[in-house]
């Protein structure tokens, strides 16, 4: 299969919000000069909000133009914080994330779940900034699964903040955020069946369509 590039949602509105923020900042400067008796506290608060919004819009404007690249060999993630790479041969399964309630009914979630054959290769491709983002963004899924689980052998605090060292098959000891990610992946697998998840807001298509596309790449890789 040919290389496929997945783009994030259109970041063009960031340009307009950035321009609007600059216009508001300029207007505040003009008003403060023309009307010196105006309430400076109100203007200062408005200026603070405008500058903050301007910074957010600027970052959105400079976000990566791609979120994922799919090739015959691997699946890559791109972000401002960094990225990761997974060979198709290291993926055991992927699918739309689901969670079961106590009555046995399953509810689909707007996330793609990924289960790996081997953690080491993936963990060594992740930088601490990306690991931190994954830990924060995906903790809600673990909380949701924990609430639906009876008699869990782990306390939720232990699962969310487990920073015990992780040792790779080659004897490399991983610490800090990467070790926390490895431990979180283990708890995710226990409660949700997948090691980590990718949110639907990174795709340019419905989650089910992306899963179908990724499975075609996975099937092709496994046929070699």
N, C-alpha and C. Protein backbone atom coordinates (compact mmCIF):
# COMPACT_ATOMS: atom_id res chain seq x y z
N UNK A 1 0.84 -1.20 0.00
CA UNK A 1 0.00 0.00 0.00
C UNK A 1 0.87 1.25 0.00
N UNK A 2 0.37 2.30 -0.60
CA UNK A 2 1.11 3.55 -0.67
C UNK A 2 1.13 4.25 0.69
N UNK A 3 2.09 5.13 0.88
CA UNK A 3 2.17 5.91 2.11
C UNK A 3 0.95 6.82 2.22
N UNK A 4 0.37 6.86 3.41
CA UNK A 4 -0.83 7.68 3.66
C UNK A 4 -0.53 8.68 4.76
N UNK A 5 -0.90 9.93 4.53
CA UNK A 5 -0.71 10.99 5.51
C UNK A 5 -2.07 11.39 6.08
N UNK A 6 -2.17 11.35 7.39
CA UNK A 6 -3.39 11.75 8.08
C UNK A 6 -3.18 13.15 8.65
N UNK A 7 -4.05 14.07 8.30
CA UNK A 7 -3.90 15.44 8.76
C UNK A 7 -4.81 15.71 9.94
N UNK A 8 -4.36 16.54 10.89
CA UNK A 8 -5.23 16.90 12.03
C UNK A 8 -6.34 17.82 11.56
N UNK A 9 -7.33 18.08 12.41
CA UNK A 9 -8.37 19.04 12.05
C UNK A 9 -7.76 20.36 11.60
N UNK A 10 -8.45 21.02 10.70
CA UNK A 10 -7.94 22.25 10.09
C UNK A 10 -7.52 23.26 11.14
N UNK A 11 -6.25 23.70 11.07
CA UNK A 11 -5.76 24.70 12.02
C UNK A 11 -5.81 26.11 11.46
N UNK A 12 -6.50 26.28 10.30
CA UNK A 12 -6.61 27.61 9.69
C UNK A 12 -7.32 28.62 10.59
N UNK A 13 -8.36 28.22 11.37
CA UNK A 13 -8.97 29.22 12.27
C UNK A 13 -7.98 29.87 13.21
N UNK A 14 -6.85 29.22 13.51
CA UNK A 14 -5.86 29.83 14.38
C UNK A 14 -5.32 31.13 13.80
N UNK A 15 -5.24 31.22 12.47
CA UNK A 15 -4.77 32.44 11.83
C UNK A 15 -5.73 33.59 12.12
N UNK A 16 -7.02 33.31 11.99
CA UNK A 16 -8.02 34.34 12.21
C UNK A 16 -8.07 34.77 13.68
N UNK A 17 -7.98 33.80 14.59
CA UNK A 17 -8.00 34.14 16.01
C UNK A 17 -6.75 34.92 16.41
N UNK A 18 -5.62 34.58 15.79
CA UNK A 18 -4.39 35.32 16.06
C UNK A 18 -4.53 36.77 15.59
N UNK A 19 -5.08 36.96 14.40
CA UNK A 19 -5.27 38.31 13.87
C UNK A 19 -6.26 39.10 14.73
N UNK A 20 -7.32 38.41 15.17
CA UNK A 20 -8.31 39.09 16.01
C UNK A 20 -7.69 39.50 17.34
N UNK A 21 -6.87 38.63 17.92
CA UNK A 21 -6.23 38.96 19.20
C UNK A 21 -5.31 40.17 19.05
N UNK A 22 -4.54 40.21 17.96
CA UNK A 22 -3.67 41.36 17.73
C UNK A 22 -4.47 42.64 17.55
N UNK A 23 -5.61 42.53 16.87
CA UNK A 23 -6.46 43.70 16.67
C UNK A 23 -7.01 44.22 17.99
N UNK A 24 -7.39 43.30 18.87
CA UNK A 24 -7.92 43.70 20.18
C UNK A 24 -6.82 44.37 21.01
N UNK A 25 -5.61 43.79 20.98
CA UNK A 25 -4.48 44.38 21.72
C UNK A 25 -4.18 45.79 21.22
N UNK A 26 -4.21 45.96 19.88
CA UNK A 26 -3.98 47.29 19.30
C UNK A 26 -5.08 48.26 19.71
N UNK A 27 -6.33 47.78 19.70
CA UNK A 27 -7.45 48.64 20.09
C UNK A 27 -7.35 49.07 21.55
N UNK A 28 -6.90 48.15 22.40
CA UNK A 28 -6.73 48.49 23.82
C UNK A 28 -5.68 49.58 23.98
N UNK A 29 -4.58 49.47 23.22
CA UNK A 29 -3.54 50.51 23.29
C UNK A 29 -4.04 51.86 22.84
N UNK A 30 -4.83 51.87 21.77
CA UNK A 30 -5.37 53.14 21.26
C UNK A 30 -6.35 53.75 22.26
N UNK A 31 -7.23 52.92 22.81
CA UNK A 31 -8.23 53.43 23.77
C UNK A 31 -7.55 53.99 25.01
N UNK A 32 -6.52 53.30 25.49
CA UNK A 32 -5.84 53.77 26.70
C UNK A 32 -5.17 55.13 26.49
N UNK A 33 -4.78 55.43 25.24
CA UNK A 33 -4.17 56.72 24.94
C UNK A 33 -5.22 57.79 24.70
N UNK A 34 -6.27 57.45 23.97
CA UNK A 34 -7.32 58.44 23.61
C UNK A 34 -8.19 58.75 24.80
N UNK A 35 -8.48 57.74 25.62
CA UNK A 35 -9.37 57.94 26.78
C UNK A 35 -8.57 57.60 28.05
N UNK A 36 -7.74 58.50 28.54
CA UNK A 36 -6.88 58.22 29.70
C UNK A 36 -7.66 57.98 31.00
N UNK A 37 -8.92 58.39 31.04
CA UNK A 37 -9.71 58.23 32.28
C UNK A 37 -10.42 56.89 32.35
N UNK A 38 -10.25 56.06 31.34
CA UNK A 38 -10.95 54.77 31.32
C UNK A 38 -10.41 53.87 32.43
N UNK A 39 -11.24 52.92 32.84
CA UNK A 39 -10.87 51.99 33.93
C UNK A 39 -9.67 51.14 33.50
N UNK A 40 -8.52 51.39 34.11
CA UNK A 40 -7.30 50.67 33.73
C UNK A 40 -7.33 49.21 34.16
N UNK A 41 -8.05 48.92 35.25
CA UNK A 41 -8.12 47.53 35.71
C UNK A 41 -8.84 46.67 34.68
N UNK A 42 -9.96 47.17 34.17
CA UNK A 42 -10.71 46.43 33.16
C UNK A 42 -9.89 46.24 31.89
N UNK A 43 -9.18 47.29 31.50
CA UNK A 43 -8.34 47.19 30.31
C UNK A 43 -7.20 46.18 30.52
N UNK A 44 -6.64 46.17 31.69
CA UNK A 44 -5.54 45.24 31.98
C UNK A 44 -6.01 43.79 31.91
N UNK A 45 -7.20 43.53 32.45
CA UNK A 45 -7.76 42.17 32.41
C UNK A 45 -8.03 41.76 30.97
N UNK A 46 -8.63 42.67 30.19
CA UNK A 46 -8.91 42.38 28.79
C UNK A 46 -7.61 42.15 28.01
N UNK A 47 -6.59 42.94 28.33
CA UNK A 47 -5.30 42.79 27.66
C UNK A 47 -4.67 41.44 27.99
N UNK A 48 -4.78 41.01 29.24
CA UNK A 48 -4.22 39.72 29.67
C UNK A 48 -4.88 38.58 28.91
N UNK A 49 -6.22 38.63 28.82
CA UNK A 49 -6.94 37.59 28.09
C UNK A 49 -6.55 37.58 26.61
N UNK A 50 -6.41 38.77 26.05
CA UNK A 50 -6.08 38.87 24.62
C UNK A 50 -4.70 38.31 24.33
N UNK A 51 -3.73 38.64 25.20
CA UNK A 51 -2.38 38.13 25.01
C UNK A 51 -2.35 36.61 25.15
N UNK A 52 -3.06 36.09 26.14
CA UNK A 52 -3.11 34.64 26.35
C UNK A 52 -3.71 33.94 25.14
N UNK A 53 -4.82 34.50 24.64
CA UNK A 53 -5.48 33.92 23.48
C UNK A 53 -4.60 34.02 22.25
N UNK A 54 -3.85 35.10 22.15
CA UNK A 54 -2.93 35.29 21.03
C UNK A 54 -1.85 34.21 21.03
N UNK A 55 -1.33 33.89 22.20
CA UNK A 55 -0.29 32.85 22.32
C UNK A 55 -0.86 31.48 21.93
N UNK A 56 -2.08 31.18 22.39
CA UNK A 56 -2.72 29.91 22.05
C UNK A 56 -2.93 29.79 20.55
N UNK A 57 -3.44 30.88 19.94
CA UNK A 57 -3.68 30.88 18.50
C UNK A 57 -2.38 30.72 17.72
N UNK A 58 -1.31 31.36 18.22
CA UNK A 58 -0.01 31.27 17.55
C UNK A 58 0.50 29.83 17.56
N UNK A 59 0.35 29.15 18.70
CA UNK A 59 0.78 27.75 18.79
C UNK A 59 -0.05 26.87 17.87
N UNK A 60 -1.35 27.16 17.77
CA UNK A 60 -2.22 26.38 16.89
C UNK A 60 -1.81 26.57 15.43
N UNK A 61 -1.42 27.79 15.08
CA UNK A 61 -0.99 28.07 13.71
C UNK A 61 0.25 27.25 13.34
N UNK A 62 1.11 27.02 14.31
CA UNK A 62 2.38 26.35 14.04
C UNK A 62 2.35 24.87 14.45
N UNK A 63 1.15 24.34 14.64
CA UNK A 63 1.03 22.91 14.92
C UNK A 63 1.43 22.12 13.67
N UNK A 64 1.91 20.88 13.82
CA UNK A 64 2.32 20.09 12.66
C UNK A 64 1.19 19.93 11.66
N UNK A 65 1.53 19.94 10.38
CA UNK A 65 0.53 19.80 9.33
C UNK A 65 0.05 18.37 9.18
N UNK A 66 0.77 17.42 9.80
CA UNK A 66 0.39 16.02 9.78
C UNK A 66 0.26 15.51 11.20
N UNK A 67 -0.67 14.60 11.41
CA UNK A 67 -0.76 13.94 12.72
C UNK A 67 -0.23 12.51 12.65
N UNK A 68 -0.41 11.83 11.49
CA UNK A 68 0.06 10.46 11.36
C UNK A 68 0.57 10.20 9.94
N UNK A 69 1.53 9.30 9.86
CA UNK A 69 1.99 8.78 8.58
C UNK A 69 1.93 7.26 8.64
N UNK A 70 1.28 6.66 7.65
CA UNK A 70 1.16 5.21 7.57
C UNK A 70 1.92 4.74 6.34
N UNK A 71 2.89 3.87 6.54
CA UNK A 71 3.64 3.28 5.43
C UNK A 71 3.48 1.77 5.48
N UNK A 72 4.05 1.07 4.50
CA UNK A 72 3.97 -0.39 4.49
C UNK A 72 4.69 -1.00 5.68
N UNK A 73 5.58 -0.20 6.32
CA UNK A 73 6.41 -0.73 7.39
C UNK A 73 5.94 -0.32 8.79
N UNK A 74 5.48 0.93 8.94
CA UNK A 74 5.19 1.43 10.28
C UNK A 74 4.10 2.50 10.28
N UNK A 75 3.71 2.86 11.51
CA UNK A 75 2.72 3.90 11.78
C UNK A 75 3.43 4.93 12.66
N UNK A 76 3.49 6.17 12.18
CA UNK A 76 4.18 7.24 12.90
C UNK A 76 3.21 8.31 13.36
N UNK A 77 3.47 8.83 14.55
CA UNK A 77 2.69 9.94 15.11
C UNK A 77 3.56 11.18 15.15
N UNK A 78 2.98 12.33 14.75
CA UNK A 78 3.70 13.61 14.74
C UNK A 78 2.94 14.61 15.62
N UNK A 79 3.68 15.36 16.43
CA UNK A 79 3.06 16.42 17.23
C UNK A 79 4.11 17.46 17.56
N UNK A 80 3.66 18.59 18.11
CA UNK A 80 4.60 19.63 18.51
C UNK A 80 5.50 19.16 19.65
N UNK A 81 5.02 18.21 20.46
CA UNK A 81 5.81 17.70 21.58
C UNK A 81 6.83 16.64 21.16
N UNK A 82 6.60 16.04 20.02
CA UNK A 82 7.44 14.94 19.56
C UNK A 82 6.58 13.90 18.88
N UNK A 83 6.97 12.65 18.93
CA UNK A 83 6.17 11.62 18.27
C UNK A 83 6.55 10.23 18.72
N UNK A 84 6.00 9.24 18.03
CA UNK A 84 6.37 7.86 18.24
C UNK A 84 6.24 7.10 16.94
N UNK A 85 6.78 5.89 16.92
CA UNK A 85 6.73 5.06 15.73
C UNK A 85 6.52 3.61 16.13
N UNK A 86 5.63 2.94 15.42
CA UNK A 86 5.34 1.53 15.69
C UNK A 86 5.42 0.75 14.38
N UNK A 87 6.18 -0.32 14.37
CA UNK A 87 6.16 -1.22 13.21
C UNK A 87 4.86 -2.04 13.25
N UNK A 88 4.27 -2.26 12.09
CA UNK A 88 3.03 -3.03 12.03
C UNK A 88 3.24 -4.42 12.64
N UNK A 89 4.44 -4.97 12.49
CA UNK A 89 4.70 -6.30 13.02
C UNK A 89 4.68 -6.33 14.55
N UNK A 90 4.71 -5.17 15.19
CA UNK A 90 4.68 -5.13 16.65
C UNK A 90 3.27 -4.87 17.19
N UNK A 91 2.29 -4.75 16.31
CA UNK A 91 0.91 -4.51 16.75
C UNK A 91 0.17 -5.84 16.81
N UNK A 92 -0.33 -6.17 17.98
CA UNK A 92 -1.10 -7.40 18.14
C UNK A 92 -2.53 -7.20 17.65
N UNK A 93 -3.12 -6.06 18.03
CA UNK A 93 -4.45 -5.74 17.53
C UNK A 93 -4.70 -4.25 17.72
N UNK A 94 -5.64 -3.73 16.95
CA UNK A 94 -6.10 -2.36 17.14
C UNK A 94 -7.57 -2.31 16.79
N UNK A 95 -8.28 -1.38 17.41
CA UNK A 95 -9.71 -1.28 17.17
C UNK A 95 -10.30 -0.09 17.90
N UNK A 96 -11.58 0.13 17.69
CA UNK A 96 -12.29 1.19 18.40
C UNK A 96 -12.41 0.79 19.86
N UNK A 97 -12.02 1.69 20.75
CA UNK A 97 -12.07 1.38 22.18
C UNK A 97 -13.50 1.18 22.65
N UNK A 98 -13.69 0.23 23.54
CA UNK A 98 -15.00 -0.05 24.13
C UNK A 98 -14.86 -0.22 25.63
N UNK A 99 -15.94 0.04 26.32
CA UNK A 99 -15.95 -0.18 27.76
C UNK A 99 -17.26 -0.86 28.13
N UNK A 100 -17.18 -1.85 29.00
CA UNK A 100 -18.36 -2.60 29.42
C UNK A 100 -18.85 -2.08 30.76
N UNK A 101 -20.17 -1.96 30.89
CA UNK A 101 -20.73 -1.60 32.20
C UNK A 101 -21.03 -2.86 32.99
N UNK A 102 -21.53 -2.68 34.18
CA UNK A 102 -21.76 -3.82 35.06
C UNK A 102 -22.87 -4.73 34.55
N UNK A 103 -23.73 -4.24 33.65
CA UNK A 103 -24.80 -5.05 33.09
C UNK A 103 -24.34 -5.86 31.88
N UNK A 104 -23.08 -5.63 31.45
CA UNK A 104 -22.54 -6.40 30.34
C UNK A 104 -22.66 -5.73 28.98
N UNK A 105 -23.25 -4.52 28.94
CA UNK A 105 -23.37 -3.81 27.67
C UNK A 105 -22.07 -3.06 27.37
N UNK A 106 -21.72 -3.03 26.09
CA UNK A 106 -20.50 -2.35 25.67
C UNK A 106 -20.84 -1.01 25.02
N UNK A 107 -20.03 -0.02 25.37
CA UNK A 107 -20.20 1.32 24.80
C UNK A 107 -18.91 1.71 24.10
N UNK A 108 -19.03 2.12 22.84
CA UNK A 108 -17.84 2.53 22.10
C UNK A 108 -17.41 3.92 22.56
N UNK A 109 -16.10 4.16 22.48
CA UNK A 109 -15.51 5.42 22.89
C UNK A 109 -14.79 6.06 21.70
N UNK A 110 -14.66 7.38 21.69
CA UNK A 110 -14.02 8.06 20.54
C UNK A 110 -12.50 7.97 20.57
N UNK A 111 -12.00 6.76 20.74
CA UNK A 111 -10.57 6.50 20.80
C UNK A 111 -10.25 5.24 20.01
N UNK A 112 -9.05 5.21 19.45
CA UNK A 112 -8.53 3.99 18.82
C UNK A 112 -7.60 3.32 19.82
N UNK A 113 -7.85 2.06 20.11
CA UNK A 113 -7.02 1.32 21.03
C UNK A 113 -5.94 0.53 20.30
N UNK A 114 -4.74 0.47 20.88
CA UNK A 114 -3.61 -0.25 20.28
C UNK A 114 -3.03 -1.20 21.32
N UNK A 115 -2.91 -2.46 20.93
CA UNK A 115 -2.28 -3.46 21.80
C UNK A 115 -1.02 -3.98 21.11
N UNK A 116 0.10 -3.91 21.83
CA UNK A 116 1.39 -4.24 21.25
C UNK A 116 1.82 -5.66 21.61
N UNK A 117 2.71 -6.20 20.79
CA UNK A 117 3.34 -7.48 21.11
C UNK A 117 4.50 -7.28 22.08
N UNK A 118 5.21 -6.16 21.91
CA UNK A 118 6.40 -5.90 22.74
C UNK A 118 6.43 -4.41 23.09
N UNK A 119 6.54 -4.10 24.37
CA UNK A 119 6.55 -2.71 24.83
C UNK A 119 7.86 -1.97 24.51
N UNK A 120 8.97 -2.69 24.55
CA UNK A 120 10.28 -2.04 24.55
C UNK A 120 10.50 -1.14 23.35
N UNK A 121 10.22 -1.65 22.17
CA UNK A 121 10.46 -0.90 20.95
C UNK A 121 9.68 0.41 20.94
N UNK A 122 8.44 0.34 21.38
CA UNK A 122 7.59 1.53 21.41
C UNK A 122 8.08 2.52 22.46
N UNK A 123 8.37 2.05 23.66
CA UNK A 123 8.78 2.94 24.74
C UNK A 123 10.06 3.68 24.40
N UNK A 124 10.97 3.03 23.71
CA UNK A 124 12.24 3.65 23.37
C UNK A 124 12.10 4.68 22.26
N UNK A 125 10.93 4.73 21.61
CA UNK A 125 10.68 5.72 20.56
C UNK A 125 9.93 6.94 21.08
N UNK A 126 9.51 6.89 22.35
CA UNK A 126 8.70 7.97 22.93
C UNK A 126 9.57 8.89 23.77
N UNK A 127 9.44 10.19 23.56
CA UNK A 127 10.17 11.15 24.39
C UNK A 127 9.33 11.50 25.61
N UNK A 128 9.94 12.01 26.69
CA UNK A 128 9.19 12.31 27.92
C UNK A 128 8.01 13.27 27.72
N UNK A 129 8.13 14.25 26.82
CA UNK A 129 7.03 15.19 26.61
C UNK A 129 5.80 14.49 26.03
N UNK A 130 6.03 13.59 25.10
CA UNK A 130 4.91 12.83 24.52
C UNK A 130 4.33 11.88 25.56
N UNK A 131 5.20 11.24 26.35
CA UNK A 131 4.73 10.34 27.41
C UNK A 131 3.85 11.09 28.40
N UNK A 132 4.27 12.30 28.78
CA UNK A 132 3.48 13.11 29.71
C UNK A 132 2.11 13.43 29.14
N UNK A 133 2.06 13.79 27.87
CA UNK A 133 0.78 14.12 27.23
C UNK A 133 -0.13 12.90 27.18
N UNK A 134 0.44 11.74 26.87
CA UNK A 134 -0.35 10.51 26.82
C UNK A 134 -0.90 10.17 28.20
N UNK A 135 -0.08 10.31 29.22
CA UNK A 135 -0.53 10.00 30.58
C UNK A 135 -1.69 10.89 31.01
N UNK A 136 -1.60 12.17 30.65
CA UNK A 136 -2.65 13.12 31.04
C UNK A 136 -3.91 12.92 30.22
N UNK A 137 -3.74 12.81 28.90
CA UNK A 137 -4.90 12.73 28.01
C UNK A 137 -5.71 11.45 28.21
N UNK A 138 -5.04 10.35 28.55
CA UNK A 138 -5.72 9.06 28.59
C UNK A 138 -6.12 8.60 29.98
N UNK A 139 -5.86 9.44 30.99
CA UNK A 139 -6.18 8.99 32.35
C UNK A 139 -7.68 8.86 32.57
N UNK A 140 -8.48 9.66 31.83
CA UNK A 140 -9.93 9.57 31.96
C UNK A 140 -10.46 8.20 31.56
N UNK A 141 -9.83 7.57 30.58
CA UNK A 141 -10.25 6.24 30.16
C UNK A 141 -10.02 5.22 31.27
N UNK A 142 -8.88 5.31 31.93
CA UNK A 142 -8.59 4.39 33.02
C UNK A 142 -9.55 4.61 34.19
N UNK A 143 -9.85 5.86 34.49
CA UNK A 143 -10.81 6.17 35.55
C UNK A 143 -12.18 5.60 35.22
N UNK A 144 -12.58 5.75 33.97
CA UNK A 144 -13.89 5.25 33.53
C UNK A 144 -13.95 3.73 33.65
N UNK A 145 -12.88 3.06 33.24
CA UNK A 145 -12.86 1.59 33.33
C UNK A 145 -12.83 1.13 34.78
N UNK A 146 -12.09 1.86 35.61
CA UNK A 146 -11.98 1.49 37.02
C UNK A 146 -13.36 1.56 37.72
N UNK A 147 -14.15 2.56 37.38
CA UNK A 147 -15.46 2.71 37.99
C UNK A 147 -16.41 1.57 37.62
N UNK A 148 -16.14 0.93 36.48
CA UNK A 148 -16.99 -0.17 36.03
C UNK A 148 -16.47 -1.53 36.48
N UNK A 149 -15.36 -1.53 37.24
CA UNK A 149 -14.73 -2.79 37.65
C UNK A 149 -15.02 -3.08 39.13
N UNK A 150 -15.47 -4.27 39.40
CA UNK A 150 -15.70 -4.69 40.77
C UNK A 150 -14.45 -5.39 41.32
N UNK A 151 -14.09 -5.06 42.54
CA UNK A 151 -12.99 -5.72 43.24
C UNK A 151 -11.67 -5.64 42.47
N UNK A 152 -11.32 -4.45 42.05
CA UNK A 152 -10.04 -4.28 41.36
C UNK A 152 -8.90 -4.55 42.33
N UNK A 153 -7.86 -5.26 41.88
CA UNK A 153 -6.73 -5.55 42.77
C UNK A 153 -5.83 -4.34 43.00
N UNK A 154 -6.08 -3.25 42.30
CA UNK A 154 -5.24 -2.07 42.42
C UNK A 154 -6.10 -0.86 42.82
N UNK A 155 -5.51 0.02 43.61
CA UNK A 155 -6.16 1.30 43.91
C UNK A 155 -5.95 2.22 42.72
N UNK A 156 -6.93 3.08 42.47
CA UNK A 156 -6.84 3.95 41.30
C UNK A 156 -5.64 4.88 41.39
N UNK A 157 -5.30 5.34 42.60
CA UNK A 157 -4.13 6.22 42.75
C UNK A 157 -2.85 5.50 42.36
N UNK A 158 -2.77 4.21 42.71
CA UNK A 158 -1.57 3.44 42.37
C UNK A 158 -1.44 3.28 40.86
N UNK A 159 -2.54 3.10 40.17
CA UNK A 159 -2.49 2.91 38.73
C UNK A 159 -2.16 4.21 38.00
N UNK A 160 -2.71 5.31 38.48
CA UNK A 160 -2.50 6.59 37.80
C UNK A 160 -1.08 7.13 37.99
N UNK A 161 -0.48 6.84 39.14
CA UNK A 161 0.81 7.45 39.46
C UNK A 161 1.92 6.43 39.72
N UNK A 162 1.79 5.26 39.17
CA UNK A 162 2.80 4.21 39.36
C UNK A 162 4.06 4.57 38.57
N UNK A 163 5.13 4.96 39.27
CA UNK A 163 6.38 5.33 38.62
C UNK A 163 7.50 4.33 38.92
N UNK A 164 7.12 3.11 39.26
CA UNK A 164 8.15 2.09 39.51
C UNK A 164 8.94 1.84 38.23
N UNK A 165 10.22 1.53 38.38
CA UNK A 165 11.11 1.37 37.24
C UNK A 165 10.66 0.22 36.34
N UNK A 166 10.91 0.39 35.05
CA UNK A 166 10.57 -0.63 34.07
C UNK A 166 11.86 -1.10 33.40
N UNK A 167 12.08 -2.40 33.36
CA UNK A 167 13.29 -2.95 32.77
C UNK A 167 12.96 -3.63 31.45
N UNK A 168 13.67 -3.25 30.39
CA UNK A 168 13.44 -3.83 29.07
C UNK A 168 14.05 -5.22 28.99
N UNK A 169 13.77 -5.91 27.90
CA UNK A 169 14.32 -7.26 27.72
C UNK A 169 15.84 -7.24 27.63
N UNK A 170 16.39 -6.11 27.20
CA UNK A 170 17.85 -5.99 27.08
C UNK A 170 18.50 -5.48 28.36
N UNK A 171 17.71 -5.34 29.43
CA UNK A 171 18.26 -4.92 30.71
C UNK A 171 18.34 -3.43 30.90
N UNK A 172 17.77 -2.64 29.98
CA UNK A 172 17.77 -1.19 30.13
C UNK A 172 16.69 -0.80 31.14
N UNK A 173 17.06 -0.02 32.15
CA UNK A 173 16.11 0.40 33.18
C UNK A 173 15.54 1.77 32.80
N UNK A 174 14.24 1.81 32.60
CA UNK A 174 13.55 3.06 32.26
C UNK A 174 12.96 3.65 33.53
N UNK A 175 13.11 4.96 33.67
CA UNK A 175 12.62 5.65 34.86
C UNK A 175 11.73 6.83 34.46
N UNK A 176 11.17 7.49 35.47
CA UNK A 176 10.41 8.71 35.23
C UNK A 176 9.17 8.51 34.40
N UNK A 177 8.91 9.44 33.48
CA UNK A 177 7.67 9.45 32.71
C UNK A 177 7.56 8.24 31.80
N UNK A 178 8.67 7.78 31.24
CA UNK A 178 8.61 6.61 30.36
C UNK A 178 8.23 5.37 31.15
N UNK A 179 8.76 5.23 32.35
CA UNK A 179 8.39 4.10 33.21
C UNK A 179 6.92 4.20 33.61
N UNK A 180 6.45 5.41 33.91
CA UNK A 180 5.04 5.60 34.25
C UNK A 180 4.15 5.20 33.08
N UNK A 181 4.58 5.54 31.86
CA UNK A 181 3.81 5.15 30.68
C UNK A 181 3.76 3.64 30.52
N UNK A 182 4.89 2.98 30.74
CA UNK A 182 4.93 1.52 30.65
C UNK A 182 3.97 0.88 31.65
N UNK A 183 3.97 1.39 32.88
CA UNK A 183 3.07 0.85 33.90
C UNK A 183 1.61 1.14 33.56
N UNK A 184 1.35 2.34 33.05
CA UNK A 184 -0.02 2.70 32.66
C UNK A 184 -0.52 1.79 31.55
N UNK A 185 0.35 1.48 30.61
CA UNK A 185 -0.02 0.58 29.52
C UNK A 185 -0.43 -0.78 30.06
N UNK A 186 0.27 -1.23 31.07
CA UNK A 186 -0.06 -2.53 31.68
C UNK A 186 -1.44 -2.50 32.33
N UNK A 187 -1.75 -1.41 33.03
CA UNK A 187 -3.07 -1.29 33.65
C UNK A 187 -4.16 -1.11 32.59
N UNK A 188 -3.86 -0.37 31.54
CA UNK A 188 -4.82 -0.21 30.46
C UNK A 188 -5.19 -1.57 29.86
N UNK A 189 -4.18 -2.38 29.64
CA UNK A 189 -4.43 -3.70 29.05
C UNK A 189 -5.30 -4.54 29.97
N UNK A 190 -5.04 -4.45 31.27
CA UNK A 190 -5.79 -5.24 32.24
C UNK A 190 -7.26 -4.85 32.28
N UNK A 191 -7.53 -3.54 32.21
CA UNK A 191 -8.91 -3.07 32.37
C UNK A 191 -9.63 -2.79 31.05
N UNK A 192 -8.87 -2.46 30.00
CA UNK A 192 -9.50 -2.03 28.75
C UNK A 192 -9.12 -2.90 27.54
N UNK A 193 -8.14 -3.78 27.70
CA UNK A 193 -7.78 -4.67 26.61
C UNK A 193 -6.77 -4.11 25.63
N UNK A 194 -6.42 -2.83 25.77
CA UNK A 194 -5.42 -2.20 24.90
C UNK A 194 -4.36 -1.53 25.76
N UNK A 195 -3.20 -1.28 25.15
CA UNK A 195 -2.09 -0.69 25.89
C UNK A 195 -2.15 0.83 25.93
N UNK A 196 -2.51 1.45 24.83
CA UNK A 196 -2.67 2.90 24.80
C UNK A 196 -3.71 3.27 23.75
N UNK A 197 -4.05 4.55 23.71
CA UNK A 197 -5.17 4.98 22.88
C UNK A 197 -4.82 6.26 22.13
N UNK A 198 -5.52 6.46 21.01
CA UNK A 198 -5.35 7.65 20.19
C UNK A 198 -6.72 8.30 20.03
N UNK A 199 -6.80 9.58 20.38
CA UNK A 199 -8.08 10.29 20.37
C UNK A 199 -8.56 10.58 18.95
N UNK A 200 -9.89 10.62 18.79
CA UNK A 200 -10.47 10.87 17.46
C UNK A 200 -10.20 12.28 16.94
N UNK A 201 -9.82 13.22 17.83
CA UNK A 201 -9.59 14.59 17.35
C UNK A 201 -8.27 14.74 16.59
N UNK A 202 -7.51 13.64 16.44
CA UNK A 202 -6.28 13.68 15.66
C UNK A 202 -6.49 13.14 14.24
N UNK A 203 -7.70 12.67 13.94
CA UNK A 203 -7.96 12.07 12.64
C UNK A 203 -8.74 13.01 11.73
N UNK A 204 -8.57 12.81 10.43
CA UNK A 204 -9.34 13.58 9.45
C UNK A 204 -10.53 12.79 8.93
N UNK A 205 -10.90 11.74 9.70
CA UNK A 205 -11.99 10.86 9.30
C UNK A 205 -12.55 10.20 10.56
N UNK A 206 -13.74 9.58 10.47
CA UNK A 206 -14.27 8.88 11.65
C UNK A 206 -13.33 7.80 12.15
N UNK A 207 -13.40 7.53 13.44
CA UNK A 207 -12.52 6.54 14.06
C UNK A 207 -12.64 5.18 13.38
N UNK A 208 -13.87 4.76 13.07
CA UNK A 208 -14.07 3.45 12.45
C UNK A 208 -13.40 3.39 11.08
N UNK A 209 -13.40 4.50 10.33
CA UNK A 209 -12.76 4.52 9.02
C UNK A 209 -11.24 4.40 9.16
N UNK A 210 -10.68 5.09 10.17
CA UNK A 210 -9.23 4.98 10.38
C UNK A 210 -8.85 3.57 10.78
N UNK A 211 -9.64 2.95 11.65
CA UNK A 211 -9.34 1.59 12.08
C UNK A 211 -9.35 0.65 10.88
N UNK A 212 -10.33 0.83 9.99
CA UNK A 212 -10.38 0.01 8.79
C UNK A 212 -9.15 0.19 7.92
N UNK A 213 -8.71 1.45 7.76
CA UNK A 213 -7.51 1.73 6.98
C UNK A 213 -6.27 1.12 7.62
N UNK A 214 -6.11 1.31 8.93
CA UNK A 214 -4.94 0.79 9.63
C UNK A 214 -4.91 -0.73 9.60
N UNK A 215 -6.05 -1.37 9.68
CA UNK A 215 -6.09 -2.83 9.63
C UNK A 215 -5.67 -3.35 8.26
N UNK A 216 -5.93 -2.60 7.22
CA UNK A 216 -5.49 -3.02 5.89
C UNK A 216 -3.96 -2.98 5.80
N UNK A 217 -3.36 -1.93 6.37
CA UNK A 217 -1.89 -1.87 6.43
C UNK A 217 -1.35 -3.01 7.29
N UNK A 218 -2.03 -3.29 8.41
CA UNK A 218 -1.58 -4.34 9.31
C UNK A 218 -1.66 -5.71 8.62
N UNK A 219 -2.75 -5.94 7.89
CA UNK A 219 -2.91 -7.22 7.20
C UNK A 219 -1.85 -7.38 6.11
N UNK A 220 -1.55 -6.29 5.39
CA UNK A 220 -0.54 -6.36 4.35
C UNK A 220 0.83 -6.67 4.93
N UNK A 221 1.16 -6.02 6.07
CA UNK A 221 2.45 -6.24 6.69
C UNK A 221 2.59 -7.68 7.17
N UNK A 222 1.53 -8.25 7.69
CA UNK A 222 1.57 -9.61 8.20
C UNK A 222 1.63 -10.66 7.09
N UNK A 223 1.28 -10.25 5.86
CA UNK A 223 1.31 -11.18 4.74
C UNK A 223 2.70 -11.36 4.16
N UNK A 224 3.65 -10.48 4.56
CA UNK A 224 5.01 -10.59 4.03
C UNK A 224 5.75 -11.74 4.70
